[in-house]
Amino acid sequence: MPKSLLIISRQAPWSGPNAREALDIVLAGGAFDLPIGLLFLDDGVFQLTAKQDAKALQQKDLSANLQALPMFGVEDLFVCGDSAAERGLETTGLALEEVQVLSAHDITALIDRYDQVITL
C-alpha cells in the first residue's frame, strides 16, 4: 500500500514558484493514485481567491491547475479557516468549492493522518 502524502502550501500564488510546485506535486501524485491531500495554510489561502488577475503581476494563472485537482483524483482539499480569517478572506465562494475548512486544532489531527508531509 502506498504511503499517504499531505502537501501544505503556505505561499501566495504571486510570491514565487512554491505555490505552483505544490500544485505540481499534488497533480503528479494524483496521476499515480497516491493517497494525497492538499492544505492551504498561511498566505497559501490566497491561492483560493476567485478571479485573480495573474497577468497584471506577470505571473501564470494557477486556477486551471486548481480546477484540475478533482480530475486527477485529488479530493482531500483543506484550508485553514484561521489563516483565511486573519487575511480577511471569506471561506465561501473560494476558487475550489470542495475545500474543507479546518481550525488549527483540526490541522494537527489532519497532519497526523498522513504518513509523509511536505511544506512549500
C-alpha atoms as a PDB file:
ATOM      1  CA  MET A   1       0.000   0.000   0.000  1.00  0.00           C
ATOM      2  CA  PRO A   2       1.449   3.401  -0.949  1.00  0.00           C
ATOM      3  CA  LYS A   3       2.201   5.895   1.777  1.00  0.00           C
ATOM      4  CA  SER A   4      -0.126   8.851   2.059  1.00  0.00           C
ATOM      5  CA  LEU A   5       1.190  12.348   1.421  1.00  0.00           C
ATOM      6  CA  LEU A   6      -0.003  15.745   2.618  1.00  0.00           C
ATOM      7  CA  ILE A   7       1.235  18.845   0.823  1.00  0.00           C
ATOM      8  CA  ILE A   8       0.998  22.065   2.833  1.00  0.00           C
ATOM      9  CA  SER A   9       1.007  25.101   0.569  1.00  0.00           C
ATOM     10  CA  ARG A  10       1.924  28.223   2.565  1.00  0.00           C
ATOM     11  CA  GLN A  11       2.860  30.719  -0.159  1.00  0.00           C
ATOM     12  CA  ALA A  12       0.698  33.205  -2.015  1.00  0.00           C
ATOM     13  CA  PRO A  13       0.384  32.441  -5.733  1.00  0.00           C
ATOM     14  CA  TRP A  14       2.411  35.507  -6.713  1.00  0.00           C
ATOM     15  CA  SER A  15       5.254  35.247  -4.183  1.00  0.00           C
ATOM     16  CA  GLY A  16       7.431  32.788  -6.098  1.00  0.00           C
ATOM     17  CA  PRO A  17       7.410  29.271  -7.501  1.00  0.00           C
ATOM     18  CA  ASN A  18       6.370  27.396  -4.334  1.00  0.00           C
ATOM     19  CA  ALA A  19       2.611  27.602  -4.929  1.00  0.00           C
ATOM     20  CA  ARG A  20       2.980  26.188  -8.444  1.00  0.00           C
ATOM     21  CA  GLU A  21       5.404  23.499  -7.264  1.00  0.00           C
ATOM     22  CA  ALA A  22       2.988  22.394  -4.541  1.00  0.00           C
ATOM     23  CA  LEU A  23       0.202  22.028  -7.103  1.00  0.00           C
ATOM     24  CA  ASP A  24       2.509  20.161  -9.484  1.00  0.00           C
ATOM     25  CA  ILE A  25       3.421  17.650  -6.756  1.00  0.00           C
ATOM     26  CA  VAL A  26      -0.228  17.109  -5.883  1.00  0.00           C
ATOM     27  CA  LEU A  27      -1.238  16.641  -9.529  1.00  0.00           C
ATOM     28  CA  ALA A  28       1.613  14.186 -10.109  1.00  0.00           C
ATOM     29  CA  GLY A  29       0.683  12.223  -7.002  1.00  0.00           C
ATOM     30  CA  GLY A  30      -2.937  12.134  -8.083  1.00  0.00           C
ATOM     31  CA  ALA A  31      -1.960  10.882 -11.532  1.00  0.00           C
ATOM     32  CA  PHE A  32      -0.235   7.908  -9.875  1.00  0.00           C
ATOM     33  CA  ASP A  33      -3.167   7.231  -7.499  1.00  0.00           C
ATOM     34  CA  LEU A  34      -1.142   8.209  -4.457  1.00  0.00           C
ATOM     35  CA  PRO A  35      -3.302   8.936  -1.396  1.00  0.00           C
ATOM     36  CA  ILE A  36      -2.673  12.681  -1.306  1.00  0.00           C
ATOM     37  CA  GLY A  37      -4.093  15.754   0.375  1.00  0.00           C
ATOM     38  CA  LEU A  38      -3.519  19.474  -0.049  1.00  0.00           C
ATOM     39  CA  LEU A  39      -3.745  22.009   2.763  1.00  0.00           C
ATOM     40  CA  PHE A  40      -3.732  25.756   2.111  1.00  0.00           C
ATOM     41  CA  LEU A  41      -2.219  27.475   5.148  1.00  0.00           C
ATOM     42  CA  ASP A  42      -0.952  30.978   5.968  1.00  0.00           C
ATOM     43  CA  ASP A  43      -0.590  33.049   2.759  1.00  0.00           C
ATOM     44  CA  GLY A  44      -1.357  29.899   0.765  1.00  0.00           C
ATOM     45  CA  VAL A  45      -5.046  30.655   1.311  1.00  0.00           C
ATOM     46  CA  PHE A  46      -4.684  33.447  -1.266  1.00  0.00           C
ATOM     47  CA  GLN A  47      -4.412  30.739  -3.931  1.00  0.00           C
ATOM     48  CA  LEU A  48      -8.101  30.070  -3.388  1.00  0.00           C
ATOM     49  CA  THR A  49      -9.371  33.579  -4.071  1.00  0.00           C
ATOM     50  CA  ALA A  50     -11.543  33.670  -7.145  1.00  0.00           C
ATOM     51  CA  LYS A  51     -10.949  35.791 -10.248  1.00  0.00           C
ATOM     52  CA  GLN A  52      -7.289  36.605  -9.750  1.00  0.00           C
ATOM     53  CA  ASP A  53      -5.598  38.634 -12.477  1.00  0.00           C
ATOM     54  CA  ALA A  54      -2.239  36.899 -12.784  1.00  0.00           C
ATOM     55  CA  LYS A  55      -1.349  38.768 -15.978  1.00  0.00           C
ATOM     56  CA  ALA A  56      -1.239  42.057 -14.090  1.00  0.00           C
ATOM     57  CA  LEU A  57       1.557  40.570 -11.992  1.00  0.00           C
ATOM     58  CA  GLN A  58       3.218  38.913 -14.993  1.00  0.00           C
ATOM     59  CA  GLN A  59       2.568  35.512 -13.430  1.00  0.00           C
ATOM     60  CA  LYS A  60       0.973  32.370 -14.754  1.00  0.00           C
ATOM     61  CA  ASP A  61      -2.581  31.755 -13.536  1.00  0.00           C
ATOM     62  CA  LEU A  62      -2.913  28.793 -11.156  1.00  0.00           C
ATOM     63  CA  SER A  63      -6.698  28.495 -11.384  1.00  0.00           C
ATOM     64  CA  ALA A  64      -6.562  25.881 -14.170  1.00  0.00           C
ATOM     65  CA  ASN A  65      -4.299  23.716 -12.006  1.00  0.00           C
ATOM     66  CA  LEU A  66      -6.690  24.087  -9.078  1.00  0.00           C
ATOM     67  CA  GLN A  67      -9.671  23.108 -11.216  1.00  0.00           C
ATOM     68  CA  ALA A  68      -7.775  20.028 -12.468  1.00  0.00           C
ATOM     69  CA  LEU A  69      -7.312  18.567  -8.979  1.00  0.00           C
ATOM     70  CA  PRO A  70     -10.590  16.564  -8.967  1.00  0.00           C
ATOM     71  CA  MET A  71      -9.835  15.210 -12.466  1.00  0.00           C
ATOM     72  CA  PHE A  72      -6.601  13.766 -11.052  1.00  0.00           C
ATOM     73  CA  GLY A  73      -8.455  12.139  -8.174  1.00  0.00           C
ATOM     74  CA  VAL A  74      -7.335  14.677  -5.578  1.00  0.00           C
ATOM     75  CA  GLU A  75     -10.319  15.108  -3.313  1.00  0.00           C
ATOM     76  CA  ASP A  76      -8.720  15.775   0.074  1.00  0.00           C
ATOM     77  CA  LEU A  77      -8.526  19.568  -0.096  1.00  0.00           C
ATOM     78  CA  PHE A  78      -8.312  21.671   3.046  1.00  0.00           C
ATOM     79  CA  VAL A  79      -7.997  25.325   4.005  1.00  0.00           C
ATOM     80  CA  CYS A  80      -7.115  26.774   7.382  1.00  0.00           C
ATOM     81  CA  GLY A  81     -10.101  28.862   8.444  1.00  0.00           C
ATOM     82  CA  ASP A  82      -7.940  30.804  10.894  1.00  0.00           C
ATOM     83  CA  SER A  83      -5.452  31.768   8.149  1.00  0.00           C
ATOM     84  CA  ALA A  84      -8.298  32.880   5.896  1.00  0.00           C
ATOM     85  CA  ALA A  85      -9.904  34.965   8.654  1.00  0.00           C
ATOM     86  CA  GLU A  86      -6.579  36.602   9.572  1.00  0.00           C
ATOM     87  CA  ARG A  87      -6.247  37.711   5.943  1.00  0.00           C
ATOM     88  CA  GLY A  88      -9.831  38.934   5.609  1.00  0.00           C
ATOM     89  CA  LEU A  89     -10.920  36.118   3.294  1.00  0.00           C
ATOM     90  CA  GLU A  90     -14.326  34.523   3.407  1.00  0.00           C
ATOM     91  CA  THR A  91     -14.310  30.734   3.197  1.00  0.00           C
ATOM     92  CA  THR A  92     -17.385  30.787   0.966  1.00  0.00           C
ATOM     93  CA  GLY A  93     -17.046  31.482  -2.741  1.00  0.00           C
ATOM     94  CA  LEU A  94     -13.492  30.163  -2.978  1.00  0.00           C
ATOM     95  CA  ALA A  95     -11.969  29.034  -6.263  1.00  0.00           C
ATOM     96  CA  LEU A  96     -12.402  25.418  -5.073  1.00  0.00           C
ATOM     97  CA  GLU A  97     -15.890  24.571  -3.885  1.00  0.00           C
ATOM     98  CA  GLU A  98     -15.000  21.194  -2.364  1.00  0.00           C
ATOM     99  CA  VAL A  99     -12.385  22.509   0.069  1.00  0.00           C
ATOM    100  CA  GLN A 100     -12.884  21.650   3.745  1.00  0.00           C
ATOM    101  CA  VAL A 101     -12.383  24.468   6.250  1.00  0.00           C
ATOM    102  CA  LEU A 102     -10.334  23.400   9.275  1.00  0.00           C
ATOM    103  CA  SER A 103      -9.393  25.030  12.566  1.00  0.00           C
ATOM    104  CA  ALA A 104      -5.831  24.974  13.896  1.00  0.00           C
ATOM    105  CA  HIS A 105      -6.779  22.077  16.178  1.00  0.00           C
ATOM    106  CA  ASP A 106      -8.201  20.116  13.214  1.00  0.00           C
ATOM    107  CA  ILE A 107      -4.976  20.679  11.256  1.00  0.00           C
ATOM    108  CA  THR A 108      -2.919  18.931  13.917  1.00  0.00           C
ATOM    109  CA  ALA A 109      -5.150  15.867  13.614  1.00  0.00           C
ATOM    110  CA  LEU A 110      -5.014  16.106   9.807  1.00  0.00           C
ATOM    111  CA  ILE A 111      -1.218  16.068   9.741  1.00  0.00           C
ATOM    112  CA  ASP A 112      -1.211  13.007  11.995  1.00  0.00           C
ATOM    113  CA  ARG A 113      -3.365  11.127   9.451  1.00  0.00           C
ATOM    114  CA  TYR A 114      -0.688  11.264   6.735  1.00  0.00           C
ATOM    115  CA  ASP A 115       2.485   9.207   6.504  1.00  0.00           C
ATOM    116  CA  GLN A 116       4.540  11.994   4.899  1.00  0.00           C
ATOM    117  CA  VAL A 117       4.170  15.787   4.898  1.00  0.00           C
ATOM    118  CA  ILE A 118       5.808  18.297   2.552  1.00  0.00           C
ATOM    119  CA  THR A 119       5.570  22.027   3.249  1.00  0.00           C
ATOM    120  CA  LEU A 120       6.162  24.543   0.475  1.00  0.00           C
END
